Amino acid sequence: MIPARILPNVQYGEEVLTIQLIENLQRREIDPIDKANAILAFFQNRHGEMDLETVFSTLVTYDRDPGRVENEFAETVSAIIKYVGMTTRTMENIMSLLTLPQKIRDAVKTGAVPVS
């Protein structure tokens, strides 16, 4: 059996995506690669098929000067910060794992290679 909760007042769309992100990133057993993929998926669900490089550069720009980021993207970053308690620097570090070769990502995912 898989534990599940039914949230009666949750509508479709944005609210569901936010809840999914929060639930996925707060699981203790989630590995860093899955965290990075969850953040990427959250951006892509809110803004279409953004590629990793665009999401990463948005995070870097937001970290340096939030005023230079378009409002819709800034709201997405702010939502992650607010609901998950993750800094932009932490998001950048996690997202950078997705740029590693697949073999190394697999090793990080299984814990064979430490994130540091």
PDB file of N, CA and C in Angstrom:
ATOM      1  N   MET A   1       0.829  -1.179   0.000  1.00  0.00           N
ATOM      2  CA  MET A   1       0.000   0.000   0.000  1.00  0.00           C
ATOM      3  C   MET A   1       0.874   1.244   0.000  1.00  0.00           C
ATOM      4  N   ILE A   2       0.384   2.263  -0.648  1.00  0.00           N
ATOM      5  CA  ILE A   2       1.052   3.545  -0.686  1.00  0.00           C
ATOM      6  C   ILE A   2       0.221   4.535   0.118  1.00  0.00           C
ATOM      7  N   PRO A   3       0.857   5.207   1.094  1.00  0.00           N
ATOM      8  CA  PRO A   3       0.085   6.185   1.853  1.00  0.00           C
ATOM      9  C   PRO A   3      -0.339   7.340   0.946  1.00  0.00           C
ATOM     10  N   ALA A   4      -1.558   7.793   1.116  1.00  0.00           N
ATOM     11  CA  ALA A   4      -2.084   8.889   0.294  1.00  0.00           C
ATOM     12  C   ALA A   4      -2.969   9.781   1.143  1.00  0.00           C
ATOM     13  N   ARG A   5      -3.032  11.034   0.743  1.00  0.00           N
ATOM     14  CA  ARG A   5      -3.926  11.987   1.390  1.00  0.00           C
ATOM     15  C   ARG A   5      -4.846  12.556   0.329  1.00  0.00           C
ATOM     16  N   ILE A   6      -6.082  12.782   0.703  1.00  0.00           N
ATOM     17  CA  ILE A   6      -7.032  13.440  -0.189  1.00  0.00           C
ATOM     18  C   ILE A   6      -7.229  14.851   0.339  1.00  0.00           C
ATOM     19  N   LEU A   7      -6.954  15.819  -0.517  1.00  0.00           N
ATOM     20  CA  LEU A   7      -7.076  17.216  -0.128  1.00  0.00           C
ATOM     21  C   LEU A   7      -8.335  17.772  -0.789  1.00  0.00           C
ATOM     22  N   PRO A   8      -9.419  17.912  -0.032  1.00  0.00           N
ATOM     23  CA  PRO A   8     -10.718  18.225  -0.614  1.00  0.00           C
ATOM     24  C   PRO A   8     -10.837  19.600  -1.272  1.00  0.00           C
ATOM     25  N   ASN A   9     -10.071  20.573  -0.843  1.00  0.00           N
ATOM     26  CA  ASN A   9     -10.243  21.919  -1.374  1.00  0.00           C
ATOM     27  C   ASN A   9      -9.204  22.298  -2.421  1.00  0.00           C
ATOM     28  N   VAL A  10      -8.470  21.330  -2.935  1.00  0.00           N
ATOM     29  CA  VAL A  10      -7.429  21.616  -3.907  1.00  0.00           C
ATOM     30  C   VAL A  10      -8.029  21.587  -5.308  1.00  0.00           C
ATOM     31  N   GLN A  11      -7.767  22.651  -6.041  1.00  0.00           N
ATOM     32  CA  GLN A  11      -8.216  22.746  -7.421  1.00  0.00           C
ATOM     33  C   GLN A  11      -7.104  22.231  -8.325  1.00  0.00           C
ATOM     34  N   TYR A  12      -7.389  22.139  -9.600  1.00  0.00           N
ATOM     35  CA  TYR A  12      -6.385  21.690 -10.558  1.00  0.00           C
ATOM     36  C   TYR A  12      -5.443  22.827 -10.908  1.00  0.00           C
ATOM     37  N   GLY A  13      -4.393  22.512 -11.601  1.00  0.00           N
ATOM     38  CA  GLY A  13      -3.488  23.521 -12.117  1.00  0.00           C
ATOM     39  C   GLY A  13      -2.406  23.918 -11.137  1.00  0.00           C
ATOM     40  N   GLU A  14      -2.272  25.218 -10.968  1.00  0.00           N
ATOM     41  CA  GLU A  14      -1.183  25.790 -10.184  1.00  0.00           C
ATOM     42  C   GLU A  14      -1.109  25.241  -8.767  1.00  0.00           C
ATOM     43  N   GLU A  15      -2.235  25.133  -8.119  1.00  0.00           N
ATOM     44  CA  GLU A  15      -2.264  24.662  -6.734  1.00  0.00           C
ATOM     45  C   GLU A  15      -1.762  23.223  -6.635  1.00  0.00           C
ATOM     46  N   VAL A  16      -2.152  22.385  -7.564  1.00  0.00           N
ATOM     47  CA  VAL A  16      -1.709  20.992  -7.576  1.00  0.00           C
ATOM     48  C   VAL A  16      -0.198  20.924  -7.800  1.00  0.00           C
ATOM     49  N   LEU A  17       0.311  21.716  -8.746  1.00  0.00           N
ATOM     50  CA  LEU A  17       1.752  21.714  -9.013  1.00  0.00           C
ATOM     51  C   LEU A  17       2.550  22.136  -7.783  1.00  0.00           C
ATOM     52  N   THR A  18       2.052  23.125  -7.087  1.00  0.00           N
ATOM     53  CA  THR A  18       2.739  23.609  -5.891  1.00  0.00           C
ATOM     54  C   THR A  18       2.752  22.533  -4.813  1.00  0.00           C
ATOM     55  N   ILE A  19       1.627  21.889  -4.602  1.00  0.00           N
ATOM     56  CA  ILE A  19       1.554  20.825  -3.589  1.00  0.00           C
ATOM     57  C   ILE A  19       2.471  19.667  -3.957  1.00  0.00           C
ATOM     58  N   GLN A  20       2.499  19.305  -5.248  1.00  0.00           N
ATOM     59  CA  GLN A  20       3.378  18.220  -5.679  1.00  0.00           C
ATOM     60  C   GLN A  20       4.840  18.564  -5.407  1.00  0.00           C
ATOM     61  N   LEU A  21       5.233  19.789  -5.722  1.00  0.00           N
ATOM     62  CA  LEU A  21       6.607  20.198  -5.492  1.00  0.00           C
ATOM     63  C   LEU A  21       6.954  20.127  -4.011  1.00  0.00           C
ATOM     64  N   ILE A  22       6.088  20.683  -3.187  1.00  0.00           N
ATOM     65  CA  ILE A  22       6.333  20.689  -1.743  1.00  0.00           C
ATOM     66  C   ILE A  22       6.457  19.263  -1.220  1.00  0.00           C
ATOM     67  N   GLU A  23       5.513  18.417  -1.582  1.00  0.00           N
ATOM     68  CA  GLU A  23       5.531  17.031  -1.101  1.00  0.00           C
ATOM     69  C   GLU A  23       6.787  16.301  -1.567  1.00  0.00           C
ATOM     70  N   ASN A  24       7.144  16.472  -2.841  1.00  0.00           N
ATOM     71  CA  ASN A  24       8.307  15.765  -3.376  1.00  0.00           C
ATOM     72  C   ASN A  24       9.613  16.239  -2.751  1.00  0.00           C
ATOM     73  N   LEU A  25       9.762  17.538  -2.564  1.00  0.00           N
ATOM     74  CA  LEU A  25      11.028  18.049  -2.054  1.00  0.00           C
ATOM     75  C   LEU A  25      11.181  17.895  -0.549  1.00  0.00           C
ATOM     76  N   GLN A  26      10.095  17.643   0.158  1.00  0.00           N
ATOM     77  CA  GLN A  26      10.194  17.486   1.603  1.00  0.00           C
ATOM     78  C   GLN A  26      10.336  16.028   2.035  1.00  0.00           C
ATOM     79  N   ARG A  27      10.256  15.100   1.086  1.00  0.00           N
ATOM     80  CA  ARG A  27      10.488  13.698   1.445  1.00  0.00           C
ATOM     81  C   ARG A  27      11.947  13.526   1.845  1.00  0.00           C
ATOM     82  N   ARG A  28      12.174  12.832   2.915  1.00  0.00           N
ATOM     83  CA  ARG A  28      13.545  12.650   3.402  1.00  0.00           C
ATOM     84  C   ARG A  28      14.369  11.763   2.484  1.00  0.00           C
ATOM     85  N   GLU A  29      13.747  10.793   1.865  1.00  0.00           N
ATOM     86  CA  GLU A  29      14.509   9.824   1.085  1.00  0.00           C
ATOM     87  C   GLU A  29      14.755  10.263  -0.354  1.00  0.00           C
ATOM     88  N   ILE A  30      14.308  11.438  -0.724  1.00  0.00           N
ATOM     89  CA  ILE A  30      14.501  11.878  -2.103  1.00  0.00           C
ATOM     90  C   ILE A  30      15.974  12.215  -2.336  1.00  0.00           C
ATOM     91  N   ASP A  31      16.505  11.743  -3.438  1.00  0.00           N
ATOM     92  CA  ASP A  31      17.913  11.999  -3.739  1.00  0.00           C
ATOM     93  C   ASP A  31      18.052  13.347  -4.450  1.00  0.00           C
ATOM     94  N   PRO A  32      19.266  13.890  -4.496  1.00  0.00           N
ATOM     95  CA  PRO A  32      19.475  15.217  -5.082  1.00  0.00           C
ATOM     96  C   PRO A  32      19.081  15.312  -6.565  1.00  0.00           C
ATOM     97  N   ILE A  33      19.256  14.237  -7.309  1.00  0.00           N
ATOM     98  CA  ILE A  33      18.892  14.250  -8.728  1.00  0.00           C
ATOM     99  C   ILE A  33      17.379  14.374  -8.876  1.00  0.00           C
ATOM    100  N   ASP A  34      16.631  13.651  -8.058  1.00  0.00           N
ATOM    101  CA  ASP A  34      15.169  13.770  -8.095  1.00  0.00           C
ATOM    102  C   ASP A  34      14.712  15.163  -7.659  1.00  0.00           C
ATOM    103  N   LYS A  35      15.413  15.762  -6.694  1.00  0.00           N
ATOM    104  CA  LYS A  35      15.094  17.134  -6.289  1.00  0.00           C
ATOM    105  C   LYS A  35      15.278  18.083  -7.468  1.00  0.00           C
ATOM    106  N   ALA A  36      16.406  17.938  -8.153  1.00  0.00           N
ATOM    107  CA  ALA A  36      16.680  18.791  -9.309  1.00  0.00           C
ATOM    108  C   ALA A  36      15.619  18.603 -10.390  1.00  0.00           C
ATOM    109  N   ASN A  37      15.247  17.365 -10.641  1.00  0.00           N
ATOM    110  CA  ASN A  37      14.213  17.093 -11.646  1.00  0.00           C
ATOM    111  C   ASN A  37      12.852  17.656 -11.231  1.00  0.00           C
ATOM    112  N   ALA A  38      12.567  17.648  -9.937  1.00  0.00           N
ATOM    113  CA  ALA A  38      11.301  18.203  -9.445  1.00  0.00           C
ATOM    114  C   ALA A  38      11.265  19.719  -9.647  1.00  0.00           C
ATOM    115  N   ILE A  39      12.371  20.378  -9.372  1.00  0.00           N
ATOM    116  CA  ILE A  39      12.439  21.830  -9.579  1.00  0.00           C
ATOM    117  C   ILE A  39      12.302  22.152 -11.067  1.00  0.00           C
ATOM    118  N   LEU A  40      13.021  21.409 -11.900  1.00  0.00           N
ATOM    119  CA  LEU A  40      12.938  21.623 -13.349  1.00  0.00           C
ATOM    120  C   LEU A  40      11.505  21.405 -13.842  1.00  0.00           C
ATOM    121  N   ALA A  41      10.866  20.342 -13.373  1.00  0.00           N
ATOM    122  CA  ALA A  41       9.483  20.050 -13.781  1.00  0.00           C
ATOM    123  C   ALA A  41       8.524  21.152 -13.334  1.00  0.00           C
ATOM    124  N   PHE A  42       8.749  21.713 -12.148  1.00  0.00           N
ATOM    125  CA  PHE A  42       7.907  22.801 -11.654  1.00  0.00           C
ATOM    126  C   PHE A  42       8.012  24.011 -12.581  1.00  0.00           C
ATOM    127  N   PHE A  43       9.240  24.371 -12.953  1.00  0.00           N
ATOM    128  CA  PHE A  43       9.425  25.472 -13.903  1.00  0.00           C
ATOM    129  C   PHE A  43       8.755  25.156 -15.237  1.00  0.00           C
ATOM    130  N   GLN A  44       8.967  23.956 -15.737  1.00  0.00           N
ATOM    131  CA  GLN A  44       8.414  23.588 -17.041  1.00  0.00           C
ATOM    132  C   GLN A  44       6.893  23.557 -17.020  1.00  0.00           C
ATOM    133  N   ASN A  45       6.309  23.110 -15.931  1.00  0.00           N
ATOM    134  CA  ASN A  45       4.847  23.090 -15.841  1.00  0.00           C
ATOM    135  C   ASN A  45       4.257  24.491 -15.774  1.00  0.00           C
ATOM    136  N   ARG A  46       4.985  25.413 -15.191  1.00  0.00           N
ATOM    137  CA  ARG A  46       4.490  26.787 -15.075  1.00  0.00           C
ATOM    138  C   ARG A  46       4.779  27.629 -16.307  1.00  0.00           C
ATOM    139  N   HIS A  47       5.858  27.299 -17.033  1.00  0.00           N
ATOM    140  CA  HIS A  47       6.315  28.179 -18.110  1.00  0.00           C
ATOM    141  C   HIS A  47       6.543  27.466 -19.431  1.00  0.00           C
ATOM    142  N   GLY A  48       5.986  26.313 -19.617  1.00  0.00           N
ATOM    143  CA  GLY A  48       6.223  25.583 -20.855  1.00  0.00           C
ATOM    144  C   GLY A  48       7.531  24.825 -20.783  1.00  0.00           C
ATOM    145  N   GLU A  49       7.958  24.347 -21.890  1.00  0.00           N
ATOM    146  CA  GLU A  49       9.147  23.495 -21.924  1.00  0.00           C
ATOM    147  C   GLU A  49      10.438  24.293 -21.859  1.00  0.00           C
ATOM    148  N   MET A  50      10.719  24.872 -20.695  1.00  0.00           N
ATOM    149  CA  MET A  50      12.000  25.551 -20.495  1.00  0.00           C
ATOM    150  C   MET A  50      13.089  24.491 -20.405  1.00  0.00           C
ATOM    151  N   ASP A  51      14.223  24.768 -21.015  1.00  0.00           N
ATOM    152  CA  ASP A  51      15.316  23.808 -20.890  1.00  0.00           C
ATOM    153  C   ASP A  51      16.110  24.079 -19.618  1.00  0.00           C
ATOM    154  N   LEU A  52      16.949  23.145 -19.279  1.00  0.00           N
ATOM    155  CA  LEU A  52      17.736  23.227 -18.048  1.00  0.00           C
ATOM    156  C   LEU A  52      18.580  24.492 -18.005  1.00  0.00           C
ATOM    157  N   GLU A  53      19.202  24.829 -19.111  1.00  0.00           N
ATOM    158  CA  GLU A  53      20.074  26.001 -19.158  1.00  0.00           C
ATOM    159  C   GLU A  53      19.296  27.286 -18.855  1.00  0.00           C
ATOM    160  N   THR A  54      18.083  27.406 -19.365  1.00  0.00           N
ATOM    161  CA  THR A  54      17.265  28.595 -19.121  1.00  0.00           C
ATOM    162  C   THR A  54      16.856  28.675 -17.663  1.00  0.00           C
ATOM    163  N   VAL A  55      16.452  27.551 -17.085  1.00  0.00           N
ATOM    164  CA  VAL A  55      16.076  27.537 -15.667  1.00  0.00           C
ATOM    165  C   VAL A  55      17.280  27.900 -14.814  1.00  0.00           C
ATOM    166  N   PHE A  56      18.412  27.306 -15.112  1.00  0.00           N
ATOM    167  CA  PHE A  56      19.625  27.561 -14.336  1.00  0.00           C
ATOM    168  C   PHE A  56      20.027  29.033 -14.427  1.00  0.00           C
ATOM    169  N   SER A  57      20.025  29.599 -15.627  1.00  0.00           N
ATOM    170  CA  SER A  57      20.416  31.005 -15.778  1.00  0.00           C
ATOM    171  C   SER A  57      19.414  31.928 -15.089  1.00  0.00           C
ATOM    172  N   THR A  58      18.132  31.553 -15.082  1.00  0.00           N
ATOM    173  CA  THR A  58      17.121  32.337 -14.370  1.00  0.00           C
ATOM    174  C   THR A  58      17.422  32.345 -12.875  1.00  0.00           C
ATOM    175  N   LEU A  59      17.796  31.196 -12.330  1.00  0.00           N
ATOM    176  CA  LEU A  59      18.133  31.118 -10.905  1.00  0.00           C
ATOM    177  C   LEU A  59      19.363  31.955 -10.569  1.00  0.00           C
ATOM    178  N   VAL A  60      20.381  31.881 -11.415  1.00  0.00           N
ATOM    179  CA  VAL A  60      21.606  32.653 -11.177  1.00  0.00           C
ATOM    180  C   VAL A  60      21.292  34.143 -11.225  1.00  0.00           C
ATOM    181  N   THR A  61      20.534  34.574 -12.222  1.00  0.00           N
ATOM    182  CA  THR A  61      20.176  35.991 -12.343  1.00  0.00           C
ATOM    183  C   THR A  61      19.343  36.434 -11.153  1.00  0.00           C
ATOM    184  N   TYR A  62      18.379  35.614 -10.755  1.00  0.00           N
ATOM    185  CA  TYR A  62      17.529  35.947  -9.608  1.00  0.00           C
ATOM    186  C   TYR A  62      18.366  36.093  -8.341  1.00  0.00           C
ATOM    187  N   ASP A  63      19.340  35.213  -8.174  1.00  0.00           N
ATOM    188  CA  ASP A  63      20.196  35.252  -6.985  1.00  0.00           C
ATOM    189  C   ASP A  63      21.016  36.545  -6.943  1.00  0.00           C
ATOM    190  N   ARG A  64      21.486  36.980  -8.104  1.00  0.00           N
ATOM    191  CA  ARG A  64      22.321  38.185  -8.170  1.00  0.00           C
ATOM    192  C   ARG A  64      21.514  39.470  -8.163  1.00  0.00           C
ATOM    193  N   ASP A  65      20.397  39.478  -8.915  1.00  0.00           N
ATOM    194  CA  ASP A  65      19.592  40.695  -9.040  1.00  0.00           C
ATOM    195  C   ASP A  65      18.163  40.320  -9.423  1.00  0.00           C
ATOM    196  N   PRO A  66      17.303  40.057  -8.437  1.00  0.00           N
ATOM    197  CA  PRO A  66      15.931  39.619  -8.718  1.00  0.00           C
ATOM    198  C   PRO A  66      15.161  40.551  -9.639  1.00  0.00           C
ATOM    199  N   GLY A  67      15.511  41.821  -9.648  1.00  0.00           N
ATOM    200  CA  GLY A  67      14.814  42.786 -10.493  1.00  0.00           C
ATOM    201  C   GLY A  67      15.045  42.573 -11.982  1.00  0.00           C
ATOM    202  N   ARG A  68      16.075  41.836 -12.348  1.00  0.00           N
ATOM    203  CA  ARG A  68      16.367  41.565 -13.760  1.00  0.00           C
ATOM    204  C   ARG A  68      15.616  40.362 -14.311  1.00  0.00           C
ATOM    205  N   VAL A  69      14.894  39.665 -13.453  1.00  0.00           N
ATOM    206  CA  VAL A  69      14.154  38.473 -13.875  1.00  0.00           C
ATOM    207  C   VAL A  69      12.699  38.864 -14.124  1.00  0.00           C
ATOM    208  N   GLU A  70      12.139  38.376 -15.232  1.00  0.00           N
ATOM    209  CA  GLU A  70      10.739  38.654 -15.538  1.00  0.00           C
ATOM    210  C   GLU A  70       9.862  38.231 -14.362  1.00  0.00           C
ATOM    211  N   ASN A  71       8.793  38.990 -14.138  1.00  0.00           N
ATOM    212  CA  ASN A  71       7.915  38.749 -12.983  1.00  0.00           C
ATOM    213  C   ASN A  71       7.430  37.312 -12.886  1.00  0.00           C
ATOM    214  N   GLU A  72       7.013  36.726 -14.001  1.00  0.00           N
ATOM    215  CA  GLU A  72       6.460  35.363 -13.944  1.00  0.00           C
ATOM    216  C   GLU A  72       7.500  34.354 -13.470  1.00  0.00           C
ATOM    217  N   PHE A  73       8.764  34.539 -13.872  1.00  0.00           N
ATOM    218  CA  PHE A  73       9.819  33.638 -13.428  1.00  0.00           C
ATOM    219  C   PHE A  73      10.205  33.925 -11.981  1.00  0.00           C
ATOM    220  N   ALA A  74      10.231  35.207 -11.622  1.00  0.00           N
ATOM    221  CA  ALA A  74      10.533  35.582 -10.243  1.00  0.00           C
ATOM    222  C   ALA A  74       9.488  35.001  -9.295  1.00  0.00           C
ATOM    223  N   GLU A  75       8.235  34.980  -9.715  1.00  0.00           N
ATOM    224  CA  GLU A  75       7.172  34.399  -8.887  1.00  0.00           C
ATOM    225  C   GLU A  75       7.385  32.904  -8.691  1.00  0.00           C
ATOM    226  N   THR A  76       7.869  32.225  -9.716  1.00  0.00           N
ATOM    227  CA  THR A  76       8.141  30.793  -9.594  1.00  0.00           C
ATOM    228  C   THR A  76       9.270  30.543  -8.602  1.00  0.00           C
ATOM    229  N   VAL A  77      10.344  31.309  -8.714  1.00  0.00           N
ATOM    230  CA  VAL A  77      11.465  31.167  -7.779  1.00  0.00           C
ATOM    231  C   VAL A  77      10.994  31.482  -6.366  1.00  0.00           C
ATOM    232  N   SER A  78      10.237  32.555  -6.216  1.00  0.00           N
ATOM    233  CA  SER A  78       9.720  32.945  -4.895  1.00  0.00           C
ATOM    234  C   SER A  78       8.829  31.863  -4.303  1.00  0.00           C
ATOM    235  N   ALA A  79       8.028  31.210  -5.149  1.00  0.00           N
ATOM    236  CA  ALA A  79       7.152  30.138  -4.661  1.00  0.00           C
ATOM    237  C   ALA A  79       7.969  28.986  -4.104  1.00  0.00           C
ATOM    238  N   ILE A  80       9.029  28.613  -4.798  1.00  0.00           N
ATOM    239  CA  ILE A  80       9.884  27.521  -4.314  1.00  0.00           C
ATOM    240  C   ILE A  80      10.536  27.920  -2.996  1.00  0.00           C
ATOM    241  N   ILE A  81      11.052  29.139  -2.939  1.00  0.00           N
ATOM    242  CA  ILE A  81      11.684  29.626  -1.705  1.00  0.00           C
ATOM    243  C   ILE A  81      10.678  29.605  -0.559  1.00  0.00           C
ATOM    244  N   LYS A  82       9.489  30.102  -0.826  1.00  0.00           N
ATOM    245  CA  LYS A  82       8.457  30.211   0.213  1.00  0.00           C
ATOM    246  C   LYS A  82       7.969  28.849   0.692  1.00  0.00           C
ATOM    247  N   TYR A  83       7.633  27.969  -0.225  1.00  0.00           N
ATOM    248  CA  TYR A  83       6.986  26.713   0.147  1.00  0.00           C
ATOM    249  C   TYR A  83       7.956  25.610   0.544  1.00  0.00           C
ATOM    250  N   VAL A  84       9.174  25.667   0.036  1.00  0.00           N
ATOM    251  CA  VAL A  84      10.127  24.591   0.307  1.00  0.00           C
ATOM    252  C   VAL A  84      11.241  25.055   1.240  1.00  0.00           C
ATOM    253  N   GLY A  85      11.426  26.349   1.344  1.00  0.00           N
ATOM    254  CA  GLY A  85      12.467  26.872   2.223  1.00  0.00           C
ATOM    255  C   GLY A  85      13.863  26.666   1.671  1.00  0.00           C
ATOM    256  N   MET A  86      13.979  26.641   0.364  1.00  0.00           N
ATOM    257  CA  MET A  86      15.252  26.411  -0.298  1.00  0.00           C
ATOM    258  C   MET A  86      15.762  27.750  -0.850  1.00  0.00           C
ATOM    259  N   THR A  87      17.014  28.065  -0.619  1.00  0.00           N
ATOM    260  CA  THR A  87      17.564  29.304  -1.157  1.00  0.00           C
ATOM    261  C   THR A  87      17.844  29.149  -2.653  1.00  0.00           C
ATOM    262  N   THR A  88      18.002  30.279  -3.326  1.00  0.00           N
ATOM    263  CA  THR A  88      18.318  30.192  -4.755  1.00  0.00           C
ATOM    264  C   THR A  88      19.678  29.539  -4.957  1.00  0.00           C
ATOM    265  N   ARG A  89      20.600  29.788  -4.056  1.00  0.00           N
ATOM    266  CA  ARG A  89      21.931  29.175  -4.171  1.00  0.00           C
ATOM    267  C   ARG A  89      21.832  27.650  -4.068  1.00  0.00           C
ATOM    268  N   THR A  90      21.010  27.173  -3.158  1.00  0.00           N
ATOM    269  CA  THR A  90      20.802  25.726  -3.023  1.00  0.00           C
ATOM    270  C   THR A  90      20.162  25.170  -4.286  1.00  0.00           C
ATOM    271  N   MET A  91      19.168  25.891  -4.819  1.00  0.00           N
ATOM    272  CA  MET A  91      18.537  25.444  -6.073  1.00  0.00           C
ATOM    273  C   MET A  91      19.557  25.384  -7.201  1.00  0.00           C
ATOM    274  N   GLU A  92      20.417  26.401  -7.292  1.00  0.00           N
ATOM    275  CA  GLU A  92      21.456  26.413  -8.332  1.00  0.00           C
ATOM    276  C   GLU A  92      22.358  25.187  -8.193  1.00  0.00           C
ATOM    277  N   ASN A  93      22.795  24.920  -6.965  1.00  0.00           N
ATOM    278  CA  ASN A  93      23.684  23.775  -6.732  1.00  0.00           C
ATOM    279  C   ASN A  93      23.009  22.461  -7.104  1.00  0.00           C
ATOM    280  N   ILE A  94      21.760  22.309  -6.714  1.00  0.00           N
ATOM    281  CA  ILE A  94      21.033  21.078  -7.030  1.00  0.00           C
ATOM    282  C   ILE A  94      20.827  20.949  -8.530  1.00  0.00           C
ATOM    283  N   MET A  95      20.429  22.047  -9.172  1.00  0.00           N
ATOM    284  CA  MET A  95      20.182  22.002 -10.613  1.00  0.00           C
ATOM    285  C   MET A  95      21.457  21.707 -11.398  1.00  0.00           C
ATOM    286  N   SER A  96      22.604  22.154 -10.879  1.00  0.00           N
ATOM    287  CA  SER A  96      23.863  21.907 -11.593  1.00  0.00           C
ATOM    288  C   SER A  96      24.171  20.417 -11.692  1.00  0.00           C
ATOM    289  N   LEU A  97      23.601  19.620 -10.802  1.00  0.00           N
ATOM    290  CA  LEU A  97      23.812  18.164 -10.880  1.00  0.00           C
ATOM    291  C   LEU A  97      23.279  17.584 -12.185  1.00  0.00           C
ATOM    292  N   LEU A  98      22.251  18.216 -12.753  1.00  0.00           N
ATOM    293  CA  LEU A  98      21.667  17.711 -13.994  1.00  0.00           C
ATOM    294  C   LEU A  98      22.566  17.940 -15.203  1.00  0.00           C
ATOM    295  N   THR A  99      23.625  18.731 -15.024  1.00  0.00           N
ATOM    296  CA  THR A  99      24.559  18.954 -16.122  1.00  0.00           C
ATOM    297  C   THR A  99      25.669  17.896 -16.154  1.00  0.00           C
ATOM    298  N   LEU A 100      25.735  17.084 -15.114  1.00  0.00           N
ATOM    299  CA  LEU A 100      26.749  16.029 -15.052  1.00  0.00           C
ATOM    300  C   LEU A 100      26.444  14.931 -16.065  1.00  0.00           C
ATOM    301  N   PRO A 101      27.466  14.206 -16.508  1.00  0.00           N
ATOM    302  CA  PRO A 101      27.213  13.058 -17.378  1.00  0.00           C
ATOM    303  C   PRO A 101      26.274  12.050 -16.695  1.00  0.00           C
ATOM    304  N   GLN A 102      25.496  11.343 -17.480  1.00  0.00           N
ATOM    305  CA  GLN A 102      24.486  10.418 -16.958  1.00  0.00           C
ATOM    306  C   GLN A 102      25.076   9.403 -15.988  1.00  0.00           C
ATOM    307  N   LYS A 103      26.241   8.894 -16.285  1.00  0.00           N
ATOM    308  CA  LYS A 103      26.875   7.886 -15.421  1.00  0.00           C
ATOM    309  C   LYS A 103      27.121   8.447 -14.016  1.00  0.00           C
ATOM    310  N   ILE A 104      27.562   9.684 -13.948  1.00  0.00           N
ATOM    311  CA  ILE A 104      27.826  10.306 -12.646  1.00  0.00           C
ATOM    312  C   ILE A 104      26.503  10.627 -11.945  1.00  0.00           C
ATOM    313  N   ARG A 105      25.502  11.100 -12.708  1.00  0.00           N
ATOM    314  CA  ARG A 105      24.187  11.352 -12.107  1.00  0.00           C
ATOM    315  C   ARG A 105      23.622  10.075 -11.495  1.00  0.00           C
ATOM    316  N   ASP A 106      23.784   8.966 -12.200  1.00  0.00           N
ATOM    317  CA  ASP A 106      23.299   7.683 -11.666  1.00  0.00           C
ATOM    318  C   ASP A 106      24.015   7.336 -10.364  1.00  0.00           C
ATOM    319  N   ALA A 107      25.318   7.597 -10.309  1.00  0.00           N
ATOM    320  CA  ALA A 107      26.090   7.303  -9.100  1.00  0.00           C
ATOM    321  C   ALA A 107      25.671   8.212  -7.948  1.00  0.00           C
ATOM    322  N   VAL A 108      25.360   9.470  -8.229  1.00  0.00           N
ATOM    323  CA  VAL A 108      24.878  10.393  -7.198  1.00  0.00           C
ATOM    324  C   VAL A 108      23.517   9.930  -6.706  1.00  0.00           C
ATOM    325  N   LYS A 109      22.670   9.522  -7.644  1.00  0.00           N
ATOM    326  CA  LYS A 109      21.311   9.078  -7.329  1.00  0.00           C
ATOM    327  C   LYS A 109      21.325   7.881  -6.365  1.00  0.00           C
ATOM    328  N   THR A 110      22.241   6.965  -6.586  1.00  0.00           N
ATOM    329  CA  THR A 110      22.306   5.768  -5.744  1.00  0.00           C
ATOM    330  C   THR A 110      23.114   5.989  -4.465  1.00  0.00           C
ATOM    331  N   GLY A 111      23.803   7.128  -4.389  1.00  0.00           N
ATOM    332  CA  GLY A 111      24.614   7.409  -3.208  1.00  0.00           C
ATOM    333  C   GLY A 111      26.036   6.909  -3.322  1.00  0.00           C
ATOM    334  N   ALA A 112      26.395   6.326  -4.465  1.00  0.00           N
ATOM    335  CA  ALA A 112      27.756   5.821  -4.657  1.00  0.00           C
ATOM    336  C   ALA A 112      28.772   6.958  -4.736  1.00  0.00           C
ATOM    337  N   VAL A 113      28.302   8.119  -5.211  1.00  0.00           N
ATOM    338  CA  VAL A 113      29.152   9.304  -5.278  1.00  0.00           C
ATOM    339  C   VAL A 113      28.463  10.390  -4.457  1.00  0.00           C
ATOM    340  N   PRO A 114      29.200  10.993  -3.495  1.00  0.00           N
ATOM    341  CA  PRO A 114      28.581  12.042  -2.694  1.00  0.00           C
ATOM    342  C   PRO A 114      28.327  13.305  -3.517  1.00  0.00           C
ATOM    343  N   VAL A 115      27.341  14.067  -3.097  1.00  0.00           N
ATOM    344  CA  VAL A 115      26.997  15.292  -3.818  1.00  0.00           C
ATOM    345  C   VAL A 115      28.151  16.270  -3.785  1.00  0.00           C
ATOM    346  N   SER A 116      28.862  16.339  -2.691  1.00  0.00           N
ATOM    347  CA  SER A 116      29.978  17.292  -2.585  1.00  0.00           C
ATOM    348  C   SER A 116      31.109  16.911  -3.512  1.00  0.00           C
TER     349      SER A 116
END
